[in-house]
Amino acid sequence: MPVTLTAGSIAHRLVTAGPWTVLLAAALYVPFAPDVGVFPASIDQSFRVSQLSNVLAYAVAILGLDLVTGYTGQLHLGQSAFIGLGAYTTVILVTDHGWTQLAAIPVACAVCLVAGLLVGLAGARIRGAYLAVVTLAFAYVFPPLVLRFGWLTGGTNGKGPPRGEGRLVPPSWAPFADEGRLAGPLWVYSLCLAIAVGVFVLTRNLMHSAVGRAMIATRDDPIGAAAFGIDPARTRAVAFGLSAVYGGLAGAMLMMDRPFASDVQFGTQLGLFLVVGLVVGGVGTMWGAIPGALVFVFLPLLVRQWTFDRGGMPPVLRELSWPLFRLLDSAGGAAVGVVFGSALLLLLFVVPDGIVGGARRHIAKLVRVERPG
C-alpha cells in the first residue's frame, strides 16, 4: 500500500530532497575521509580525491549530453570533441599566456559554444542515425585536427606547462591548506564541486523555463511543437550549443588538477563511454549524470584493482569472485574488459531505465503524490 503525500507538503519536500541531501553530504565527506571501505587499500587518498574531481567533471559533460539526447531526443556521440576543445583552450591559455585555469573557463565555454552552435545548425534538420553519424564524425576528426595544428597543441607530445607548474594552489584561508600533498587535490575538488552544484542548479531551472519546455516539446512531438510556434531546428541548435558549453566546462575542469592535454585523451571512445554513462545513470533524468559519472570513472578502476590485486577487494566479494578471477587469469588484461562489460550488462539488466530511473520507479510504488485541494 503506497504512502500518499500532498505535493508541496513538508513530507513531500523531505522525500524529494532527502536523497540529494545525502548525496551532497557524501560529496563533502568522502574526499576528506582518510579511509573509505569501498575502495581498495591500494588507492590512496590523494588519487581518490583526484578521481572524484574527474567524476564531477564527467558528470557535467554527461549532463550536457543529456540536454541533447535525453531532453531534445537527438543521439549525440560527439561530446568528447567538445571536452577536448575546452581542455585544449584551457591548457593553451595556461601554458602560453600565463592564465589560471579559473580565468580560462569563460573563454573555453565561449569557444565551445560557437563550435556547438555550428554543429547544431549543420545537423538541426536531420535526426536519428544520420545525426549520430554527423556527431560521431565530428568526434572522429578532432584528434587528427589536434595533430595537424601541432604548433599550437603540442601534437603527439601533448600540451602543458613544465612538470609541477600550472597547478592550482589553495589559498591560506582554506581549512586544508596545511595538508601537504593533499592540499592541491582537495582545493581542485572543492572548486569542481562548487562548479558542478552550480551547473546542476542552473540546469534544473533551465528545464523549468521556456527553453527547457521547448526542448521537451521538440522531443515528444516536433510537429505539434511547431504548431505552437516552437522552431524545432532552432531548439535543437540551442541544445547543441548548451551541450557544447557543458562539454567545454568539463574539459576545463579536467585541466584543473594537472593541466596537460593529449590527443589520445579525447578520442571517439570517450564519447561512446559518456553515452554509456548517460544510459547507466538514466536518460532524461538530469541527476542520472552523477551515478553515470561514478560508474564511468570508478567501475573500470575498481575492476582493474580487484582483478589484479584481489587483496584490495572487500572480503565478501573476494570469497565470491575468487573462482571467477582464477578462470579469467589466463585472459591477462582482457579480464578487465570482460568483467567491466559483464558488470555493465548486469546493471542494465537490473535497472533498464538507468539507476535514477529505476530508483524513481521503485519510489513511485511506495509513495503516491496527490495535488492539494
Protein backbone atom coordinates (compact mmCIF):
# COMPACT_ATOMS: atom_id res chain seq x y z
CA MET A 1 0.00 0.00 0.00
CA PRO A 2 1.72 3.22 -1.13
CA VAL A 3 2.01 6.21 1.18
CA THR A 4 0.08 9.26 -0.06
CA LEU A 5 1.78 12.65 0.17
CA THR A 6 0.43 16.06 -0.76
CA ALA A 7 2.51 17.88 -3.36
CA GLY A 8 4.39 20.77 -1.78
CA SER A 9 3.98 19.50 1.77
CA ILE A 10 6.93 19.25 4.15
CA ALA A 11 6.89 15.45 3.93
CA HIS A 12 6.90 15.59 0.12
CA ARG A 13 9.81 18.03 0.11
CA LEU A 14 11.76 15.83 2.52
CA VAL A 15 11.21 12.76 0.32
CA THR A 16 12.24 14.76 -2.77
CA ALA A 17 15.27 16.48 -1.27
CA GLY A 18 16.40 13.69 1.05
CA PRO A 19 18.42 11.59 -1.44
CA TRP A 20 20.23 14.62 -2.85
CA THR A 21 21.00 15.92 0.64
CA VAL A 22 22.59 12.56 1.43
CA LEU A 23 24.50 12.69 -1.88
CA LEU A 24 25.81 16.19 -1.14
CA ALA A 25 26.81 15.12 2.37
CA ALA A 26 28.70 12.17 0.89
CA ALA A 27 30.39 14.50 -1.61
CA LEU A 28 31.59 16.63 1.31
CA TYR A 29 32.67 13.68 3.47
CA VAL A 30 34.27 11.06 1.21
CA PRO A 31 37.19 13.16 -0.15
CA PHE A 32 38.25 14.24 3.34
CA ALA A 33 37.90 10.80 4.94
CA PRO A 34 41.27 9.02 5.25
CA ASP A 35 39.74 5.59 4.58
CA VAL A 36 36.59 4.59 2.73
CA GLY A 37 35.93 0.84 2.81
CA VAL A 38 34.53 0.52 -0.70
CA PHE A 39 37.88 1.47 -2.29
CA PRO A 40 40.80 -0.98 -2.44
CA ALA A 41 43.62 -0.28 0.00
CA SER A 42 45.99 0.37 -2.92
CA ILE A 43 44.06 3.53 -3.86
CA ASP A 44 45.47 6.31 -1.68
CA GLN A 45 43.52 9.37 -0.61
CA SER A 46 45.26 11.80 -2.97
CA PHE A 47 44.48 9.67 -6.03
CA ARG A 48 40.91 9.10 -4.83
CA VAL A 49 40.32 12.85 -4.47
CA SER A 50 41.68 13.47 -7.98
CA GLN A 51 39.38 10.80 -9.38
CA LEU A 52 36.40 12.33 -7.58
CA SER A 53 37.24 15.65 -9.24
CA ASN A 54 37.14 13.80 -12.57
CA VAL A 55 33.74 12.37 -11.60
CA LEU A 56 32.38 15.89 -11.15
CA ALA A 57 33.82 16.99 -14.50
CA TYR A 58 32.37 14.00 -16.35
CA ALA A 59 29.03 14.47 -14.57
CA VAL A 60 28.88 17.96 -16.10
CA ALA A 61 29.78 16.51 -19.52
CA ILE A 62 27.12 13.78 -19.24
CA LEU A 63 24.57 16.37 -18.13
CA GLY A 64 25.32 18.37 -21.27
CA LEU A 65 24.93 15.20 -23.31
CA ASP A 66 21.57 14.63 -21.64
CA LEU A 67 20.33 18.04 -22.83
CA VAL A 68 20.61 16.80 -26.43
CA THR A 69 19.88 13.09 -26.03
CA GLY A 70 17.50 12.99 -23.08
CA TYR A 71 15.60 16.26 -23.35
CA THR A 72 15.74 17.00 -27.09
CA GLY A 73 15.68 13.42 -28.36
CA GLN A 74 18.83 13.52 -30.52
CA LEU A 75 21.59 10.89 -30.37
CA HIS A 76 24.82 12.80 -29.71
CA LEU A 77 28.13 10.93 -29.99
CA GLY A 78 30.48 13.91 -30.26
CA GLN A 79 30.74 15.20 -26.70
CA SER A 80 34.36 14.06 -26.45
CA ALA A 81 35.37 16.65 -29.05
CA PHE A 82 33.84 19.49 -27.04
CA ILE A 83 35.55 18.25 -23.88
CA GLY A 84 38.83 18.19 -25.78
CA LEU A 85 38.23 21.65 -27.23
CA GLY A 86 37.60 23.07 -23.76
CA ALA A 87 40.63 21.26 -22.35
CA TYR A 88 42.98 22.45 -25.09
CA THR A 89 41.69 26.03 -24.88
CA THR A 90 42.40 26.00 -21.15
CA VAL A 91 45.85 24.44 -21.49
CA ILE A 92 46.90 26.82 -24.27
CA LEU A 93 45.89 29.85 -22.19
CA VAL A 94 47.64 28.46 -19.10
CA THR A 95 50.83 27.38 -20.87
CA ASP A 96 51.34 30.08 -23.49
CA HIS A 97 49.72 33.10 -21.85
CA GLY A 98 50.10 32.54 -18.12
CA TRP A 99 46.39 32.41 -17.32
CA THR A 100 44.96 30.42 -14.43
CA GLN A 101 42.52 27.61 -15.12
CA LEU A 102 39.67 29.54 -13.49
CA ALA A 103 40.28 32.57 -15.71
CA ALA A 104 40.33 30.34 -18.80
CA ILE A 105 36.92 28.77 -18.10
CA PRO A 106 34.79 31.56 -19.71
CA VAL A 107 36.95 31.50 -22.85
CA ALA A 108 36.77 27.71 -23.09
CA CYS A 109 32.98 27.83 -22.74
CA ALA A 110 32.68 30.60 -25.36
CA VAL A 111 34.82 28.71 -27.88
CA CYS A 112 32.77 25.54 -27.36
CA LEU A 113 29.51 27.49 -27.61
CA VAL A 114 30.47 28.73 -31.08
CA ALA A 115 31.57 25.24 -32.17
CA GLY A 116 28.41 23.67 -30.72
CA LEU A 117 26.12 26.13 -32.49
CA LEU A 118 27.88 25.47 -35.80
CA VAL A 119 27.48 21.70 -35.39
CA GLY A 120 23.92 22.18 -34.16
CA LEU A 121 22.95 24.35 -37.12
CA ALA A 122 24.58 21.91 -39.54
CA GLY A 123 22.62 18.99 -38.08
CA ALA A 124 19.46 20.81 -37.00
CA ARG A 125 17.29 19.39 -39.78
CA ILE A 126 18.44 15.78 -39.58
CA ARG A 127 17.56 13.26 -36.91
CA GLY A 128 18.20 9.76 -35.67
CA ALA A 129 21.07 7.73 -37.08
CA TYR A 130 22.02 10.46 -39.56
CA LEU A 131 22.64 12.98 -36.79
CA ALA A 132 24.52 10.35 -34.79
CA VAL A 133 26.87 9.88 -37.77
CA VAL A 134 27.41 13.66 -38.04
CA THR A 135 28.33 13.99 -34.36
CA LEU A 136 30.48 10.85 -34.49
CA ALA A 137 32.34 12.29 -37.48
CA PHE A 138 32.98 15.49 -35.51
CA ALA A 139 34.43 13.44 -32.65
CA TYR A 140 36.46 11.34 -35.10
CA VAL A 141 38.18 14.30 -36.79
CA PHE A 142 39.07 16.11 -33.56
CA PRO A 143 42.26 14.14 -32.70
CA PRO A 144 43.67 14.45 -36.26
CA LEU A 145 42.97 18.20 -36.15
CA VAL A 146 44.89 18.40 -32.89
CA LEU A 147 47.86 16.73 -34.58
CA ARG A 148 47.51 18.91 -37.68
CA PHE A 149 47.89 22.08 -35.61
CA GLY A 150 50.77 20.72 -33.58
CA TRP A 151 52.47 24.14 -33.42
CA LEU A 152 49.59 25.22 -31.17
CA THR A 153 48.51 21.99 -29.47
CA GLY A 154 51.86 20.26 -28.99
CA GLY A 155 50.98 17.47 -31.43
CA THR A 156 51.77 13.95 -30.30
CA ASN A 157 53.75 15.28 -27.31
CA GLY A 158 50.68 16.90 -25.82
CA LYS A 159 50.34 20.40 -24.40
CA GLY A 160 51.00 21.59 -20.89
CA PRO A 161 53.29 23.65 -18.68
CA PRO A 162 56.52 22.15 -17.30
CA ARG A 163 56.02 19.37 -14.78
CA GLY A 164 55.00 20.71 -11.38
CA GLU A 165 53.86 24.09 -12.74
CA GLY A 166 50.38 25.34 -13.53
CA ARG A 167 48.68 23.53 -10.66
CA LEU A 168 46.09 25.37 -8.59
CA VAL A 169 47.34 26.22 -5.10
CA PRO A 170 44.80 26.56 -2.27
CA PRO A 171 44.60 29.95 -0.54
CA SER A 172 45.91 30.27 3.00
CA TRP A 173 42.37 30.53 4.43
CA ALA A 174 41.36 27.10 3.09
CA PRO A 175 40.89 24.64 6.00
CA PHE A 176 43.07 22.06 4.23
CA ALA A 177 45.88 24.44 3.19
CA ASP A 178 48.32 22.64 5.51
CA GLU A 179 47.52 19.13 4.26
CA GLY A 180 50.75 18.86 2.26
CA ARG A 181 50.38 16.90 -0.99
CA LEU A 182 46.64 16.59 -0.34
CA ALA A 183 46.07 20.35 -0.28
CA GLY A 184 46.13 20.80 -4.06
CA PRO A 185 43.77 17.91 -4.93
CA LEU A 186 41.35 18.93 -2.16
CA TRP A 187 41.28 22.52 -3.43
CA VAL A 188 40.66 21.37 -7.00
CA TYR A 189 37.90 19.06 -5.76
CA SER A 190 36.27 21.90 -3.82
CA LEU A 191 36.27 24.10 -6.92
CA CYS A 192 34.89 21.30 -9.10
CA LEU A 193 32.17 20.56 -6.54
CA ALA A 194 31.12 24.22 -6.42
CA ILE A 195 31.03 24.40 -10.23
CA ALA A 196 29.10 21.13 -10.55
CA VAL A 197 26.50 22.14 -7.95
CA GLY A 198 26.02 25.47 -9.72
CA VAL A 199 25.64 23.76 -13.10
CA PHE A 200 23.04 21.30 -11.79
CA VAL A 201 21.03 24.08 -10.15
CA LEU A 202 21.13 26.16 -13.35
CA THR A 203 20.12 23.11 -15.41
CA ARG A 204 17.18 22.39 -13.12
CA ASN A 205 16.00 25.98 -13.57
CA LEU A 206 16.61 25.76 -17.32
CA MET A 207 14.41 22.68 -17.67
CA HIS A 208 11.56 24.55 -15.93
CA SER A 209 11.96 27.56 -18.23
CA ALA A 210 10.52 28.21 -21.69
CA VAL A 211 13.73 26.91 -23.31
CA GLY A 212 13.55 23.63 -21.40
CA ARG A 213 9.88 23.14 -22.17
CA ALA A 214 10.61 23.81 -25.86
CA MET A 215 13.29 21.08 -25.80
CA ILE A 216 10.91 18.55 -24.27
CA ALA A 217 8.13 19.52 -26.69
CA THR A 218 10.52 19.12 -29.63
CA ARG A 219 11.49 15.68 -28.38
CA ASP A 220 7.93 14.46 -27.77
CA ASP A 221 6.14 15.95 -30.79
CA PRO A 222 8.11 18.14 -33.23
CA ILE A 223 5.07 18.77 -35.45
CA GLY A 224 2.89 19.73 -32.50
CA ALA A 225 5.66 21.94 -31.13
CA ALA A 226 5.93 23.74 -34.46
CA ALA A 227 2.17 24.29 -34.43
CA PHE A 228 2.58 26.18 -31.14
CA GLY A 229 5.29 28.44 -32.55
CA ILE A 230 8.37 26.47 -31.48
CA ASP A 231 11.07 26.14 -34.12
CA PRO A 232 12.40 22.55 -33.70
CA ALA A 233 15.55 23.21 -35.74
CA ARG A 234 16.48 26.27 -33.69
CA THR A 235 15.67 24.46 -30.44
CA ARG A 236 17.97 21.57 -31.38
CA ALA A 237 20.73 24.01 -32.32
CA VAL A 238 20.39 25.77 -28.96
CA ALA A 239 20.51 22.40 -27.19
CA PHE A 240 23.72 21.53 -29.05
CA GLY A 241 25.23 24.90 -28.14
CA LEU A 242 24.42 24.45 -24.45
CA SER A 243 25.67 20.86 -24.52
CA ALA A 244 28.95 22.05 -26.02
CA VAL A 245 29.31 24.65 -23.25
CA TYR A 246 28.90 21.88 -20.68
CA GLY A 247 31.50 19.82 -22.53
CA GLY A 248 33.94 22.73 -22.66
CA LEU A 249 33.41 23.41 -18.97
CA ALA A 250 34.07 19.74 -18.21
CA GLY A 251 37.29 19.90 -20.24
CA ALA A 252 38.43 22.95 -18.27
CA MET A 253 37.60 21.17 -15.00
CA LEU A 254 39.69 18.17 -16.05
CA MET A 255 42.66 20.50 -16.55
CA MET A 256 42.47 21.95 -13.03
CA ASP A 257 44.34 19.14 -11.32
CA ARG A 258 47.01 18.60 -13.94
CA PRO A 259 46.93 20.96 -16.93
CA PHE A 260 48.08 18.60 -19.66
CA ALA A 261 46.12 17.66 -22.79
CA SER A 262 46.89 15.00 -25.39
CA ASP A 263 45.00 13.88 -28.49
CA VAL A 264 44.60 10.32 -27.12
CA GLN A 265 42.54 11.61 -24.19
CA PHE A 266 39.65 12.82 -26.35
CA GLY A 267 39.03 10.16 -28.97
CA THR A 268 35.73 8.66 -30.07
CA GLN A 269 35.96 6.03 -27.33
CA LEU A 270 35.48 8.73 -24.70
CA GLY A 271 32.29 9.92 -26.41
CA LEU A 272 30.89 6.39 -26.57
CA PHE A 273 31.70 5.77 -22.90
CA LEU A 274 29.93 9.01 -21.97
CA VAL A 275 26.82 7.73 -23.74
CA VAL A 276 27.15 4.52 -21.71
CA GLY A 277 27.41 6.62 -18.55
CA LEU A 278 24.27 8.51 -19.56
CA VAL A 279 22.31 5.31 -20.17
CA VAL A 280 23.53 3.72 -16.93
CA GLY A 281 22.61 6.81 -14.92
CA GLY A 282 19.28 7.35 -16.64
CA VAL A 283 18.48 9.20 -19.87
CA GLY A 284 16.39 12.33 -19.35
CA THR A 285 16.69 12.26 -15.55
CA MET A 286 19.31 15.03 -15.13
CA TRP A 287 20.51 13.62 -11.79
CA GLY A 288 21.47 10.39 -13.56
CA ALA A 289 24.64 12.15 -14.69
CA ILE A 290 26.09 11.68 -11.19
CA PRO A 291 25.85 7.87 -10.86
CA GLY A 292 26.68 7.62 -14.56
CA ALA A 293 29.93 9.52 -13.99
CA LEU A 294 30.73 7.45 -10.90
CA VAL A 295 30.33 4.25 -12.92
CA PHE A 296 32.32 5.72 -15.81
CA VAL A 297 35.30 6.68 -13.62
CA PHE A 298 35.37 4.16 -10.81
CA LEU A 299 34.00 0.91 -12.22
CA PRO A 300 36.94 0.32 -14.61
CA LEU A 301 39.35 1.37 -11.87
CA LEU A 302 37.84 -0.95 -9.26
CA VAL A 303 37.58 -3.83 -11.72
CA ARG A 304 41.24 -3.38 -12.64
CA GLN A 305 42.30 -3.20 -9.00
CA TRP A 306 40.17 -6.14 -7.93
CA THR A 307 41.20 -8.25 -10.92
CA PHE A 308 44.94 -7.86 -10.48
CA ASP A 309 45.05 -7.06 -6.74
CA ARG A 310 42.46 -9.26 -5.07
CA GLY A 311 43.78 -8.26 -1.66
CA GLY A 312 42.09 -4.86 -2.10
CA MET A 313 38.64 -6.37 -2.58
CA PRO A 314 36.08 -6.39 0.24
CA PRO A 315 36.17 -9.83 1.98
CA VAL A 316 32.68 -10.94 0.89
CA LEU A 317 33.32 -10.16 -2.78
CA ARG A 318 36.78 -11.73 -2.53
CA GLU A 319 35.33 -15.07 -1.45
CA LEU A 320 32.52 -14.99 -4.01
CA SER A 321 34.57 -13.96 -7.02
CA TRP A 322 37.82 -15.88 -6.45
CA PRO A 323 36.81 -18.74 -8.81
CA LEU A 324 35.79 -16.20 -11.46
CA PHE A 325 39.10 -14.36 -11.36
CA ARG A 326 41.02 -17.64 -11.30
CA LEU A 327 39.18 -18.53 -14.50
CA LEU A 328 39.98 -15.15 -16.05
CA ASP A 329 43.65 -15.11 -15.03
CA SER A 330 44.60 -16.75 -18.32
CA ALA A 331 42.98 -13.86 -20.20
CA GLY A 332 45.50 -11.35 -18.84
CA GLY A 333 44.46 -7.73 -19.43
CA ALA A 334 41.33 -8.88 -21.26
CA ALA A 335 39.90 -9.90 -17.88
CA VAL A 336 39.32 -6.23 -17.06
CA GLY A 337 37.24 -5.72 -20.19
CA VAL A 338 35.29 -8.94 -19.61
CA VAL A 339 34.42 -8.07 -16.01
CA PHE A 340 33.69 -4.42 -16.83
CA GLY A 341 31.38 -5.31 -19.73
CA SER A 342 29.64 -8.01 -17.69
CA ALA A 343 29.09 -5.57 -14.83
CA LEU A 344 27.50 -3.03 -17.19
CA LEU A 345 25.23 -5.67 -18.74
CA LEU A 346 24.15 -6.86 -15.30
CA LEU A 347 23.49 -3.30 -14.17
CA LEU A 348 21.35 -2.51 -17.21
CA PHE A 349 19.50 -5.81 -16.82
CA VAL A 350 18.60 -4.92 -13.22
CA VAL A 351 17.71 -1.27 -13.99
CA PRO A 352 16.99 -0.99 -17.73
CA ASP A 353 15.90 2.64 -17.36
CA GLY A 354 19.09 3.62 -15.55
CA ILE A 355 19.99 3.94 -11.89
CA VAL A 356 17.97 7.09 -11.25
CA GLY A 357 15.11 5.95 -13.48
CA GLY A 358 14.94 2.63 -11.63
CA ALA A 359 15.05 4.38 -8.25
CA ARG A 360 12.19 6.67 -9.28
CA ARG A 361 10.15 3.71 -10.50
CA HIS A 362 10.53 1.89 -7.18
CA ILE A 363 9.83 5.03 -5.14
CA ALA A 364 6.64 5.59 -7.17
CA LYS A 365 5.43 2.18 -5.99
CA LEU A 366 5.92 3.21 -2.37
CA VAL A 367 4.90 6.87 -2.46
CA ARG A 368 1.93 8.42 -4.28
CA VAL A 369 1.80 12.20 -4.70
CA GLU A 370 -1.54 13.99 -5.00
CA ARG A 371 -2.33 17.60 -5.81
CA PRO A 372 -3.54 19.77 -2.91
CA GLY A 373 -7.26 20.50 -2.75
